[in-house]
Amino acid sequence: MNWYRFNKKGIGIFYQLTILVLYTFVNCTSSSSLSVQKTTCEYQESPFLVNSKTPRFGWQIFSDRNQVEQSAYSIEIADAENNIIWNTGKVKSNQSQHIEYSGENVLVSGKEY
């Protein structure tokens, strides 16, 4: 059984995810409040260890405005030294659940991401 370790706070991947998803929304102005919350990896919030070579990611969008929709997303995974392991680039999609890791780099068991 291989386990993939996240940083000590259990949210290593999601620092980048939260920032990158924010710019992908339509119908938002600078005066509106928009945030990405409830980020998940393998259906768990803030996991410390994950037993999957192709973990799945998800998030929920919260806004103080009505009818705010995601139009695209971008996910980056970095190792403990902040070297980018995987970058989806901008993906035009409203999907925010079950986004599977499909990077060429193999996630190393026991390594922090």
PDB file of N, CA and C in Angstrom:
ATOM      1  N   MET A   1       0.841  -1.167   0.000  1.00  0.00           N
ATOM      2  CA  MET A   1       0.000   0.000   0.000  1.00  0.00           C
ATOM      3  C   MET A   1       0.896   1.244   0.000  1.00  0.00           C
ATOM      4  N   ASN A   2       0.729   2.116  -0.950  1.00  0.00           N
ATOM      5  CA  ASN A   2       1.514   3.340  -1.028  1.00  0.00           C
ATOM      6  C   ASN A   2       0.735   4.510  -0.451  1.00  0.00           C
ATOM      7  N   TRP A   3       1.414   5.319   0.341  1.00  0.00           N
ATOM      8  CA  TRP A   3       0.784   6.500   0.935  1.00  0.00           C
ATOM      9  C   TRP A   3       1.538   7.734   0.469  1.00  0.00           C
ATOM     10  N   TYR A   4       0.811   8.750   0.080  1.00  0.00           N
ATOM     11  CA  TYR A   4       1.399   9.996  -0.380  1.00  0.00           C
ATOM     12  C   TYR A   4       1.131  11.038   0.679  1.00  0.00           C
ATOM     13  N   ARG A   5       2.179  11.662   1.150  1.00  0.00           N
ATOM     14  CA  ARG A   5       2.089  12.534   2.309  1.00  0.00           C
ATOM     15  C   ARG A   5       1.910  13.984   1.883  1.00  0.00           C
ATOM     16  N   PHE A   6       1.025  14.684   2.588  1.00  0.00           N
ATOM     17  CA  PHE A   6       0.825  16.106   2.355  1.00  0.00           C
ATOM     18  C   PHE A   6       1.562  16.878   3.435  1.00  0.00           C
ATOM     19  N   ASN A   7       1.703  18.183   3.232  1.00  0.00           N
ATOM     20  CA  ASN A   7       2.458  18.957   4.203  1.00  0.00           C
ATOM     21  C   ASN A   7       1.825  18.865   5.579  1.00  0.00           C
ATOM     22  N   LYS A   8       2.508  19.406   6.574  1.00  0.00           N
ATOM     23  CA  LYS A   8       2.089  19.242   7.964  1.00  0.00           C
ATOM     24  C   LYS A   8       0.683  19.749   8.237  1.00  0.00           C
ATOM     25  N   LYS A   9       0.225  20.710   7.494  1.00  0.00           N
ATOM     26  CA  LYS A   9      -1.131  21.220   7.679  1.00  0.00           C
ATOM     27  C   LYS A   9      -2.139  20.421   6.874  1.00  0.00           C
ATOM     28  N   GLY A  10      -1.668  19.492   6.051  1.00  0.00           N
ATOM     29  CA  GLY A  10      -2.561  18.618   5.310  1.00  0.00           C
ATOM     30  C   GLY A  10      -3.232  19.266   4.120  1.00  0.00           C
ATOM     31  N   ILE A  11      -2.710  20.402   3.650  1.00  0.00           N
ATOM     32  CA  ILE A  11      -3.376  21.090   2.549  1.00  0.00           C
ATOM     33  C   ILE A  11      -2.400  21.531   1.474  1.00  0.00           C
ATOM     34  N   GLY A  12      -1.307  20.829   1.307  1.00  0.00           N
ATOM     35  CA  GLY A  12      -0.254  21.244   0.394  1.00  0.00           C
ATOM     36  C   GLY A  12      -0.694  21.625  -0.996  1.00  0.00           C
ATOM     37  N   ILE A  13      -1.460  20.778  -1.636  1.00  0.00           N
ATOM     38  CA  ILE A  13      -1.865  21.033  -3.013  1.00  0.00           C
ATOM     39  C   ILE A  13      -2.829  22.207  -3.097  1.00  0.00           C
ATOM     40  N   PHE A  14      -3.619  22.397  -2.081  1.00  0.00           N
ATOM     41  CA  PHE A  14      -4.734  23.318  -2.179  1.00  0.00           C
ATOM     42  C   PHE A  14      -4.366  24.786  -2.041  1.00  0.00           C
ATOM     43  N   TYR A  15      -3.162  25.104  -1.583  1.00  0.00           N
ATOM     44  CA  TYR A  15      -2.724  26.495  -1.601  1.00  0.00           C
ATOM     45  C   TYR A  15      -2.798  27.021  -3.029  1.00  0.00           C
ATOM     46  N   GLN A  16      -2.222  26.284  -3.951  1.00  0.00           N
ATOM     47  CA  GLN A  16      -2.211  26.686  -5.350  1.00  0.00           C
ATOM     48  C   GLN A  16      -3.602  26.599  -5.959  1.00  0.00           C
ATOM     49  N   LEU A  17      -4.312  25.533  -5.659  1.00  0.00           N
ATOM     50  CA  LEU A  17      -5.636  25.319  -6.238  1.00  0.00           C
ATOM     51  C   LEU A  17      -6.572  26.471  -5.919  1.00  0.00           C
ATOM     52  N   THR A  18      -6.603  26.890  -4.676  1.00  0.00           N
ATOM     53  CA  THR A  18      -7.507  27.960  -4.268  1.00  0.00           C
ATOM     54  C   THR A  18      -7.226  29.232  -5.046  1.00  0.00           C
ATOM     55  N   ILE A  19      -5.979  29.603  -5.169  1.00  0.00           N
ATOM     56  CA  ILE A  19      -5.621  30.831  -5.877  1.00  0.00           C
ATOM     57  C   ILE A  19      -5.939  30.719  -7.363  1.00  0.00           C
ATOM     58  N   LEU A  20      -5.628  29.584  -7.968  1.00  0.00           N
ATOM     59  CA  LEU A  20      -5.788  29.441  -9.406  1.00  0.00           C
ATOM     60  C   LEU A  20      -7.239  29.328  -9.843  1.00  0.00           C
ATOM     61  N   VAL A  21      -8.083  28.750  -9.032  1.00  0.00           N
ATOM     62  CA  VAL A  21      -9.488  28.630  -9.411  1.00  0.00           C
ATOM     63  C   VAL A  21     -10.178  29.981  -9.332  1.00  0.00           C
ATOM     64  N   LEU A  22      -9.736  30.840  -8.448  1.00  0.00           N
ATOM     65  CA  LEU A  22     -10.402  32.127  -8.253  1.00  0.00           C
ATOM     66  C   LEU A  22     -10.481  32.969  -9.518  1.00  0.00           C
ATOM     67  N   TYR A  23      -9.482  32.935 -10.365  1.00  0.00           N
ATOM     68  CA  TYR A  23      -9.488  33.810 -11.532  1.00  0.00           C
ATOM     69  C   TYR A  23     -10.370  33.282 -12.661  1.00  0.00           C
ATOM     70  N   THR A  24     -10.977  32.145 -12.482  1.00  0.00           N
ATOM     71  CA  THR A  24     -11.670  31.504 -13.593  1.00  0.00           C
ATOM     72  C   THR A  24     -13.174  31.720 -13.616  1.00  0.00           C
ATOM     73  N   PHE A  25     -13.679  32.646 -12.878  1.00  0.00           N
ATOM     74  CA  PHE A  25     -15.115  32.806 -12.774  1.00  0.00           C
ATOM     75  C   PHE A  25     -15.637  33.949 -13.638  1.00  0.00           C
ATOM     76  N   VAL A  26     -16.912  33.817 -14.018  1.00  0.00           N
ATOM     77  CA  VAL A  26     -17.580  34.868 -14.773  1.00  0.00           C
ATOM     78  C   VAL A  26     -18.563  35.577 -13.864  1.00  0.00           C
ATOM     79  N   ASN A  27     -19.022  36.737 -14.304  1.00  0.00           N
ATOM     80  CA  ASN A  27     -20.018  37.520 -13.584  1.00  0.00           C
ATOM     81  C   ASN A  27     -19.555  37.994 -12.213  1.00  0.00           C
ATOM     82  N   CYS A  28     -18.276  38.240 -12.041  1.00  0.00           N
ATOM     83  CA  CYS A  28     -17.775  38.736 -10.764  1.00  0.00           C
ATOM     84  C   CYS A  28     -17.178  40.120 -10.961  1.00  0.00           C
ATOM     85  N   THR A  29     -17.364  40.950  -9.971  1.00  0.00           N
ATOM     86  CA  THR A  29     -16.735  42.261  -9.987  1.00  0.00           C
ATOM     87  C   THR A  29     -15.791  42.344  -8.812  1.00  0.00           C
ATOM     88  N   SER A  30     -14.963  43.371  -8.797  1.00  0.00           N
ATOM     89  CA  SER A  30     -14.002  43.513  -7.713  1.00  0.00           C
ATOM     90  C   SER A  30     -14.685  43.764  -6.377  1.00  0.00           C
ATOM     91  N   SER A  31     -15.934  44.189  -6.388  1.00  0.00           N
ATOM     92  CA  SER A  31     -16.632  44.455  -5.135  1.00  0.00           C
ATOM     93  C   SER A  31     -17.316  43.213  -4.569  1.00  0.00           C
ATOM     94  N   SER A  32     -17.336  42.114  -5.306  1.00  0.00           N
ATOM     95  CA  SER A  32     -17.993  40.911  -4.797  1.00  0.00           C
ATOM     96  C   SER A  32     -16.989  40.039  -4.046  1.00  0.00           C
ATOM     97  N   SER A  33     -17.523  39.233  -3.156  1.00  0.00           N
ATOM     98  CA  SER A  33     -16.708  38.313  -2.384  1.00  0.00           C
ATOM     99  C   SER A  33     -16.791  36.932  -3.026  1.00  0.00           C
ATOM    100  N   LEU A  34     -15.648  36.346  -3.299  1.00  0.00           N
ATOM    101  CA  LEU A  34     -15.593  35.044  -3.948  1.00  0.00           C
ATOM    102  C   LEU A  34     -14.498  34.229  -3.288  1.00  0.00           C
ATOM    103  N   SER A  35     -14.798  32.981  -2.969  1.00  0.00           N
ATOM    104  CA  SER A  35     -13.768  32.132  -2.381  1.00  0.00           C
ATOM    105  C   SER A  35     -13.987  30.679  -2.782  1.00  0.00           C
ATOM    106  N   VAL A  36     -12.897  29.945  -2.757  1.00  0.00           N
ATOM    107  CA  VAL A  36     -12.933  28.508  -2.985  1.00  0.00           C
ATOM    108  C   VAL A  36     -12.723  27.867  -1.620  1.00  0.00           C
ATOM    109  N   GLN A  37     -13.651  27.008  -1.231  1.00  0.00           N
ATOM    110  CA  GLN A  37     -13.587  26.384   0.086  1.00  0.00           C
ATOM    111  C   GLN A  37     -13.871  24.897  -0.044  1.00  0.00           C
ATOM    112  N   LYS A  38     -13.748  24.218   1.054  1.00  0.00           N
ATOM    113  CA  LYS A  38     -14.017  22.776   1.116  1.00  0.00           C
ATOM    114  C   LYS A  38     -13.251  22.019   0.033  1.00  0.00           C
ATOM    115  N   THR A  39     -11.957  22.328  -0.067  1.00  0.00           N
ATOM    116  CA  THR A  39     -11.115  21.611  -1.016  1.00  0.00           C
ATOM    117  C   THR A  39     -10.930  20.180  -0.524  1.00  0.00           C
ATOM    118  N   THR A  40     -10.964  19.243  -1.449  1.00  0.00           N
ATOM    119  CA  THR A  40     -10.837  17.836  -1.078  1.00  0.00           C
ATOM    120  C   THR A  40      -9.810  17.125  -1.948  1.00  0.00           C
ATOM    121  N   CYS A  41      -9.254  16.085  -1.387  1.00  0.00           N
ATOM    122  CA  CYS A  41      -8.384  15.158  -2.106  1.00  0.00           C
ATOM    123  C   CYS A  41      -8.842  13.767  -1.698  1.00  0.00           C
ATOM    124  N   GLU A  42      -9.214  12.958  -2.678  1.00  0.00           N
ATOM    125  CA  GLU A  42      -9.801  11.645  -2.408  1.00  0.00           C
ATOM    126  C   GLU A  42     -10.984  11.773  -1.450  1.00  0.00           C
ATOM    127  N   TYR A  43     -11.795  12.792  -1.691  1.00  0.00           N
ATOM    128  CA  TYR A  43     -13.060  13.026  -0.984  1.00  0.00           C
ATOM    129  C   TYR A  43     -12.891  13.366   0.495  1.00  0.00           C
ATOM    130  N   GLN A  44     -11.681  13.764   0.897  1.00  0.00           N
ATOM    131  CA  GLN A  44     -11.424  14.156   2.277  1.00  0.00           C
ATOM    132  C   GLN A  44     -10.915  15.582   2.304  1.00  0.00           C
ATOM    133  N   GLU A  45     -11.390  16.363   3.275  1.00  0.00           N
ATOM    134  CA  GLU A  45     -10.861  17.708   3.463  1.00  0.00           C
ATOM    135  C   GLU A  45      -9.553  17.602   4.237  1.00  0.00           C
ATOM    136  N   SER A  46      -8.523  18.273   3.755  1.00  0.00           N
ATOM    137  CA  SER A  46      -7.211  18.344   4.408  1.00  0.00           C
ATOM    138  C   SER A  46      -6.635  16.985   4.801  1.00  0.00           C
ATOM    139  N   PRO A  47      -6.512  16.059   3.858  1.00  0.00           N
ATOM    140  CA  PRO A  47      -5.930  14.757   4.223  1.00  0.00           C
ATOM    141  C   PRO A  47      -4.442  14.885   4.505  1.00  0.00           C
ATOM    142  N   PHE A  48      -3.949  14.072   5.400  1.00  0.00           N
ATOM    143  CA  PHE A  48      -2.518  14.057   5.694  1.00  0.00           C
ATOM    144  C   PHE A  48      -1.823  13.010   4.834  1.00  0.00           C
ATOM    145  N   LEU A  49      -2.470  11.869   4.661  1.00  0.00           N
ATOM    146  CA  LEU A  49      -1.942  10.801   3.817  1.00  0.00           C
ATOM    147  C   LEU A  49      -3.012  10.377   2.826  1.00  0.00           C
ATOM    148  N   VAL A  50      -2.587  10.089   1.597  1.00  0.00           N
ATOM    149  CA  VAL A  50      -3.515   9.657   0.554  1.00  0.00           C
ATOM    150  C   VAL A  50      -2.962   8.384  -0.069  1.00  0.00           C
ATOM    151  N   ASN A  51      -3.797   7.377  -0.220  1.00  0.00           N
ATOM    152  CA  ASN A  51      -3.381   6.095  -0.785  1.00  0.00           C
ATOM    153  C   ASN A  51      -3.879   5.978  -2.221  1.00  0.00           C
ATOM    154  N   SER A  52      -3.327   6.794  -3.120  1.00  0.00           N
ATOM    155  CA  SER A  52      -3.716   6.739  -4.525  1.00  0.00           C
ATOM    156  C   SER A  52      -2.614   7.349  -5.375  1.00  0.00           C
ATOM    157  N   LYS A  53      -2.271   6.681  -6.471  1.00  0.00           N
ATOM    158  CA  LYS A  53      -1.296   7.246  -7.404  1.00  0.00           C
ATOM    159  C   LYS A  53      -1.937   8.298  -8.292  1.00  0.00           C
ATOM    160  N   THR A  54      -3.255   8.271  -8.378  1.00  0.00           N
ATOM    161  CA  THR A  54      -3.992   9.257  -9.173  1.00  0.00           C
ATOM    162  C   THR A  54      -5.096   9.873  -8.309  1.00  0.00           C
ATOM    163  N   PRO A  55      -4.712  10.683  -7.323  1.00  0.00           N
ATOM    164  CA  PRO A  55      -5.723  11.263  -6.431  1.00  0.00           C
ATOM    165  C   PRO A  55      -6.694  12.158  -7.190  1.00  0.00           C
ATOM    166  N   ARG A  56      -7.903  12.248  -6.668  1.00  0.00           N
ATOM    167  CA  ARG A  56      -8.946  13.091  -7.254  1.00  0.00           C
ATOM    168  C   ARG A  56      -9.176  14.297  -6.357  1.00  0.00           C
ATOM    169  N   PHE A  57      -9.374  15.449  -6.998  1.00  0.00           N
ATOM    170  CA  PHE A  57      -9.506  16.710  -6.279  1.00  0.00           C
ATOM    171  C   PHE A  57     -10.892  17.307  -6.475  1.00  0.00           C
ATOM    172  N   GLY A  58     -11.286  18.138  -5.542  1.00  0.00           N
ATOM    173  CA  GLY A  58     -12.566  18.823  -5.645  1.00  0.00           C
ATOM    174  C   GLY A  58     -12.567  20.085  -4.801  1.00  0.00           C
ATOM    175  N   TRP A  59     -13.549  20.935  -5.029  1.00  0.00           N
ATOM    176  CA  TRP A  59     -13.702  22.180  -4.280  1.00  0.00           C
ATOM    177  C   TRP A  59     -15.114  22.693  -4.453  1.00  0.00           C
ATOM    178  N   GLN A  60     -15.480  23.640  -3.586  1.00  0.00           N
ATOM    179  CA  GLN A  60     -16.768  24.317  -3.693  1.00  0.00           C
ATOM    180  C   GLN A  60     -16.523  25.811  -3.771  1.00  0.00           C
ATOM    181  N   ILE A  61     -17.382  26.494  -4.503  1.00  0.00           N
ATOM    182  CA  ILE A  61     -17.280  27.933  -4.715  1.00  0.00           C
ATOM    183  C   ILE A  61     -18.313  28.632  -3.841  1.00  0.00           C
ATOM    184  N   PHE A  62     -17.898  29.699  -3.189  1.00  0.00           N
ATOM    185  CA  PHE A  62     -18.810  30.510  -2.386  1.00  0.00           C
ATOM    186  C   PHE A  62     -18.691  31.959  -2.827  1.00  0.00           C
ATOM    187  N   SER A  63     -19.842  32.624  -2.991  1.00  0.00           N
ATOM    188  CA  SER A  63     -19.868  34.022  -3.409  1.00  0.00           C
ATOM    189  C   SER A  63     -21.040  34.726  -2.746  1.00  0.00           C
ATOM    190  N   ASP A  64     -20.898  36.039  -2.563  1.00  0.00           N
ATOM    191  CA  ASP A  64     -22.010  36.821  -2.024  1.00  0.00           C
ATOM    192  C   ASP A  64     -22.942  37.289  -3.139  1.00  0.00           C
ATOM    193  N   ARG A  65     -22.650  36.900  -4.363  1.00  0.00           N
ATOM    194  CA  ARG A  65     -23.506  37.244  -5.508  1.00  0.00           C
ATOM    195  C   ARG A  65     -24.217  36.005  -6.014  1.00  0.00           C
ATOM    196  N   ASN A  66     -25.345  36.214  -6.653  1.00  0.00           N
ATOM    197  CA  ASN A  66     -26.101  35.120  -7.257  1.00  0.00           C
ATOM    198  C   ASN A  66     -25.548  34.779  -8.634  1.00  0.00           C
ATOM    199  N   GLN A  67     -25.746  33.574  -9.051  1.00  0.00           N
ATOM    200  CA  GLN A  67     -25.422  33.100 -10.390  1.00  0.00           C
ATOM    201  C   GLN A  67     -23.944  33.256 -10.758  1.00  0.00           C
ATOM    202  N   VAL A  68     -23.079  33.031  -9.803  1.00  0.00           N
ATOM    203  CA  VAL A  68     -21.645  33.002 -10.078  1.00  0.00           C
ATOM    204  C   VAL A  68     -21.300  31.568 -10.454  1.00  0.00           C
ATOM    205  N   GLU A  69     -20.673  31.405 -11.599  1.00  0.00           N
ATOM    206  CA  GLU A  69     -20.353  30.071 -12.092  1.00  0.00           C
ATOM    207  C   GLU A  69     -18.883  29.968 -12.459  1.00  0.00           C
ATOM    208  N   GLN A  70     -18.338  28.802 -12.260  1.00  0.00           N
ATOM    209  CA  GLN A  70     -16.976  28.520 -12.680  1.00  0.00           C
ATOM    210  C   GLN A  70     -16.978  28.277 -14.182  1.00  0.00           C
ATOM    211  N   SER A  71     -16.014  28.849 -14.885  1.00  0.00           N
ATOM    212  CA  SER A  71     -15.907  28.610 -16.322  1.00  0.00           C
ATOM    213  C   SER A  71     -14.641  27.837 -16.682  1.00  0.00           C
ATOM    214  N   ALA A  72     -13.688  27.786 -15.770  1.00  0.00           N
ATOM    215  CA  ALA A  72     -12.430  27.083 -16.013  1.00  0.00           C
ATOM    216  C   ALA A  72     -11.732  26.865 -14.676  1.00  0.00           C
ATOM    217  N   TYR A  73     -10.702  26.047 -14.706  1.00  0.00           N
ATOM    218  CA  TYR A  73      -9.886  25.851 -13.507  1.00  0.00           C
ATOM    219  C   TYR A  73      -8.454  25.567 -13.924  1.00  0.00           C
ATOM    220  N   SER A  74      -7.555  25.656 -12.967  1.00  0.00           N
ATOM    221  CA  SER A  74      -6.165  25.295 -13.151  1.00  0.00           C
ATOM    222  C   SER A  74      -5.665  24.735 -11.826  1.00  0.00           C
ATOM    223  N   ILE A  75      -4.981  23.613 -11.875  1.00  0.00           N
ATOM    224  CA  ILE A  75      -4.456  22.987 -10.663  1.00  0.00           C
ATOM    225  C   ILE A  75      -2.952  22.829 -10.809  1.00  0.00           C
ATOM    226  N   GLU A  76      -2.225  23.167  -9.761  1.00  0.00           N
ATOM    227  CA  GLU A  76      -0.788  22.933  -9.696  1.00  0.00           C
ATOM    228  C   GLU A  76      -0.499  22.075  -8.475  1.00  0.00           C
ATOM    229  N   ILE A  77       0.386  21.111  -8.641  1.00  0.00           N
ATOM    230  CA  ILE A  77       0.891  20.336  -7.513  1.00  0.00           C
ATOM    231  C   ILE A  77       2.380  20.619  -7.434  1.00  0.00           C
ATOM    232  N   ALA A  78       2.834  20.941  -6.234  1.00  0.00           N
ATOM    233  CA  ALA A  78       4.245  21.227  -6.008  1.00  0.00           C
ATOM    234  C   ALA A  78       4.764  20.318  -4.903  1.00  0.00           C
ATOM    235  N   ASP A  79       6.062  20.009  -4.969  1.00  0.00           N
ATOM    236  CA  ASP A  79       6.650  19.224  -3.891  1.00  0.00           C
ATOM    237  C   ASP A  79       7.021  20.153  -2.736  1.00  0.00           C
ATOM    238  N   ALA A  80       7.625  19.600  -1.708  1.00  0.00           N
ATOM    239  CA  ALA A  80       7.959  20.376  -0.515  1.00  0.00           C
ATOM    240  C   ALA A  80       8.934  21.513  -0.817  1.00  0.00           C
ATOM    241  N   GLU A  81       9.690  21.396  -1.898  1.00  0.00           N
ATOM    242  CA  GLU A  81      10.644  22.446  -2.290  1.00  0.00           C
ATOM    243  C   GLU A  81      10.031  23.435  -3.276  1.00  0.00           C
ATOM    244  N   ASN A  82       8.722  23.364  -3.482  1.00  0.00           N
ATOM    245  CA  ASN A  82       7.973  24.230  -4.405  1.00  0.00           C
ATOM    246  C   ASN A  82       8.324  24.016  -5.870  1.00  0.00           C
ATOM    247  N   ASN A  83       8.844  22.845  -6.221  1.00  0.00           N
ATOM    248  CA  ASN A  83       9.035  22.483  -7.623  1.00  0.00           C
ATOM    249  C   ASN A  83       7.695  21.994  -8.162  1.00  0.00           C
ATOM    250  N   ILE A  84       7.269  22.551  -9.285  1.00  0.00           N
ATOM    251  CA  ILE A  84       5.981  22.171  -9.856  1.00  0.00           C
ATOM    252  C   ILE A  84       6.069  20.747 -10.406  1.00  0.00           C
ATOM    253  N   ILE A  85       5.201  19.872  -9.915  1.00  0.00           N
ATOM    254  CA  ILE A  85       5.139  18.482 -10.353  1.00  0.00           C
ATOM    255  C   ILE A  85       4.104  18.326 -11.464  1.00  0.00           C
ATOM    256  N   TRP A  86       2.997  19.065 -11.337  1.00  0.00           N
ATOM    257  CA  TRP A  86       1.900  18.965 -12.305  1.00  0.00           C
ATOM    258  C   TRP A  86       1.197  20.295 -12.389  1.00  0.00           C
ATOM    259  N   ASN A  87       0.912  20.717 -13.618  1.00  0.00           N
ATOM    260  CA  ASN A  87       0.150  21.936 -13.866  1.00  0.00           C
ATOM    261  C   ASN A  87      -0.819  21.619 -14.995  1.00  0.00           C
ATOM    262  N   THR A  88      -2.102  21.714 -14.711  1.00  0.00           N
ATOM    263  CA  THR A  88      -3.093  21.398 -15.736  1.00  0.00           C
ATOM    264  C   THR A  88      -3.154  22.467 -16.811  1.00  0.00           C
ATOM    265  N   GLY A  89      -2.633  23.660 -16.506  1.00  0.00           N
ATOM    266  CA  GLY A  89      -2.888  24.790 -17.383  1.00  0.00           C
ATOM    267  C   GLY A  89      -4.354  25.153 -17.236  1.00  0.00           C
ATOM    268  N   LYS A  90      -4.818  26.103 -17.989  1.00  0.00           N
ATOM    269  CA  LYS A  90      -6.218  26.515 -17.895  1.00  0.00           C
ATOM    270  C   LYS A  90      -7.090  25.490 -18.614  1.00  0.00           C
ATOM    271  N   VAL A  91      -8.014  24.902 -17.875  1.00  0.00           N
ATOM    272  CA  VAL A  91      -8.939  23.908 -18.416  1.00  0.00           C
ATOM    273  C   VAL A  91     -10.328  24.536 -18.429  1.00  0.00           C
ATOM    274  N   LYS A  92     -10.898  24.708 -19.610  1.00  0.00           N
ATOM    275  CA  LYS A  92     -12.243  25.285 -19.705  1.00  0.00           C
ATOM    276  C   LYS A  92     -13.253  24.219 -19.323  1.00  0.00           C
ATOM    277  N   SER A  93     -13.792  24.342 -18.118  1.00  0.00           N
ATOM    278  CA  SER A  93     -14.732  23.359 -17.600  1.00  0.00           C
ATOM    279  C   SER A  93     -15.405  23.914 -16.352  1.00  0.00           C
ATOM    280  N   ASN A  94     -16.653  23.543 -16.156  1.00  0.00           N
ATOM    281  CA  ASN A  94     -17.327  23.917 -14.918  1.00  0.00           C
ATOM    282  C   ASN A  94     -17.205  22.811 -13.874  1.00  0.00           C
ATOM    283  N   GLN A  95     -16.483  21.761 -14.193  1.00  0.00           N
ATOM    284  CA  GLN A  95     -16.291  20.641 -13.272  1.00  0.00           C
ATOM    285  C   GLN A  95     -15.458  21.085 -12.073  1.00  0.00           C
ATOM    286  N   SER A  96     -15.914  20.744 -10.873  1.00  0.00           N
ATOM    287  CA  SER A  96     -15.173  21.087  -9.664  1.00  0.00           C
ATOM    288  C   SER A  96     -15.047  19.889  -8.716  1.00  0.00           C
ATOM    289  N   GLN A  97     -15.420  18.718  -9.180  1.00  0.00           N
ATOM    290  CA  GLN A  97     -15.308  17.494  -8.381  1.00  0.00           C
ATOM    291  C   GLN A  97     -14.737  16.385  -9.259  1.00  0.00           C
ATOM    292  N   HIS A  98     -14.059  15.442  -8.624  1.00  0.00           N
ATOM    293  CA  HIS A  98     -13.535  14.251  -9.309  1.00  0.00           C
ATOM    294  C   HIS A  98     -12.489  14.598 -10.375  1.00  0.00           C
ATOM    295  N   ILE A  99     -11.696  15.642 -10.155  1.00  0.00           N
ATOM    296  CA  ILE A  99     -10.617  15.999 -11.085  1.00  0.00           C
ATOM    297  C   ILE A  99      -9.430  15.093 -10.755  1.00  0.00           C
ATOM    298  N   GLU A 100      -9.109  14.183 -11.648  1.00  0.00           N
ATOM    299  CA  GLU A 100      -8.090  13.177 -11.378  1.00  0.00           C
ATOM    300  C   GLU A 100      -6.701  13.648 -11.795  1.00  0.00           C
ATOM    301  N   TYR A 101      -5.716  13.356 -10.948  1.00  0.00           N
ATOM    302  CA  TYR A 101      -4.323  13.640 -11.274  1.00  0.00           C
ATOM    303  C   TYR A 101      -3.948  12.862 -12.525  1.00  0.00           C
ATOM    304  N   SER A 102      -3.398  13.558 -13.512  1.00  0.00           N
ATOM    305  CA  SER A 102      -2.997  12.897 -14.755  1.00  0.00           C
ATOM    306  C   SER A 102      -1.616  13.363 -15.202  1.00  0.00           C
ATOM    307  N   GLY A 103      -0.795  13.721 -14.235  1.00  0.00           N
ATOM    308  CA  GLY A 103       0.546  14.191 -14.551  1.00  0.00           C
ATOM    309  C   GLY A 103       1.452  13.078 -15.032  1.00  0.00           C
ATOM    310  N   GLU A 104       2.481  13.452 -15.788  1.00  0.00           N
ATOM    311  CA  GLU A 104       3.462  12.482 -16.269  1.00  0.00           C
ATOM    312  C   GLU A 104       4.386  12.037 -15.149  1.00  0.00           C
ATOM    313  N   ASN A 105       4.631  12.939 -14.181  1.00  0.00           N
ATOM    314  CA  ASN A 105       5.493  12.597 -13.053  1.00  0.00           C
ATOM    315  C   ASN A 105       4.750  11.661 -12.108  1.00  0.00           C
ATOM    316  N   VAL A 106       5.405  10.584 -11.731  1.00  0.00           N
ATOM    317  CA  VAL A 106       4.814   9.637 -10.796  1.00  0.00           C
ATOM    318  C   VAL A 106       4.939  10.213  -9.391  1.00  0.00           C
ATOM    319  N   LEU A 107       3.835  10.208  -8.652  1.00  0.00           N
ATOM    320  CA  LEU A 107       3.883  10.651  -7.266  1.00  0.00           C
ATOM    321  C   LEU A 107       4.615   9.589  -6.452  1.00  0.00           C
ATOM    322  N   VAL A 108       5.621  10.007  -5.704  1.00  0.00           N
ATOM    323  CA  VAL A 108       6.472   9.085  -4.961  1.00  0.00           C
ATOM    324  C   VAL A 108       5.856   8.804  -3.596  1.00  0.00           C
ATOM    325  N   SER A 109       5.717   7.537  -3.271  1.00  0.00           N
ATOM    326  CA  SER A 109       5.139   7.137  -1.991  1.00  0.00           C
ATOM    327  C   SER A 109       5.950   7.706  -0.832  1.00  0.00           C
ATOM    328  N   GLY A 110       5.258   8.297   0.128  1.00  0.00           N
ATOM    329  CA  GLY A 110       5.907   8.851   1.309  1.00  0.00           C
ATOM    330  C   GLY A 110       6.453  10.254   1.140  1.00  0.00           C
ATOM    331  N   LYS A 111       6.423  10.797  -0.067  1.00  0.00           N
ATOM    332  CA  LYS A 111       6.954  12.141  -0.308  1.00  0.00           C
ATOM    333  C   LYS A 111       5.891  13.197  -0.032  1.00  0.00           C
ATOM    334  N   GLU A 112       6.339  14.343   0.467  1.00  0.00           N
ATOM    335  CA  GLU A 112       5.440  15.454   0.762  1.00  0.00           C
ATOM    336  C   GLU A 112       5.130  16.257  -0.486  1.00  0.00           C
ATOM    337  N   TYR A 113       3.842  16.604  -0.670  1.00  0.00           N
ATOM    338  CA  TYR A 113       3.410  17.446  -1.782  1.00  0.00           C
ATOM    339  C   TYR A 113       2.572  18.571  -1.250  1.00  0.00           C
TER     340      TYR A 113
END
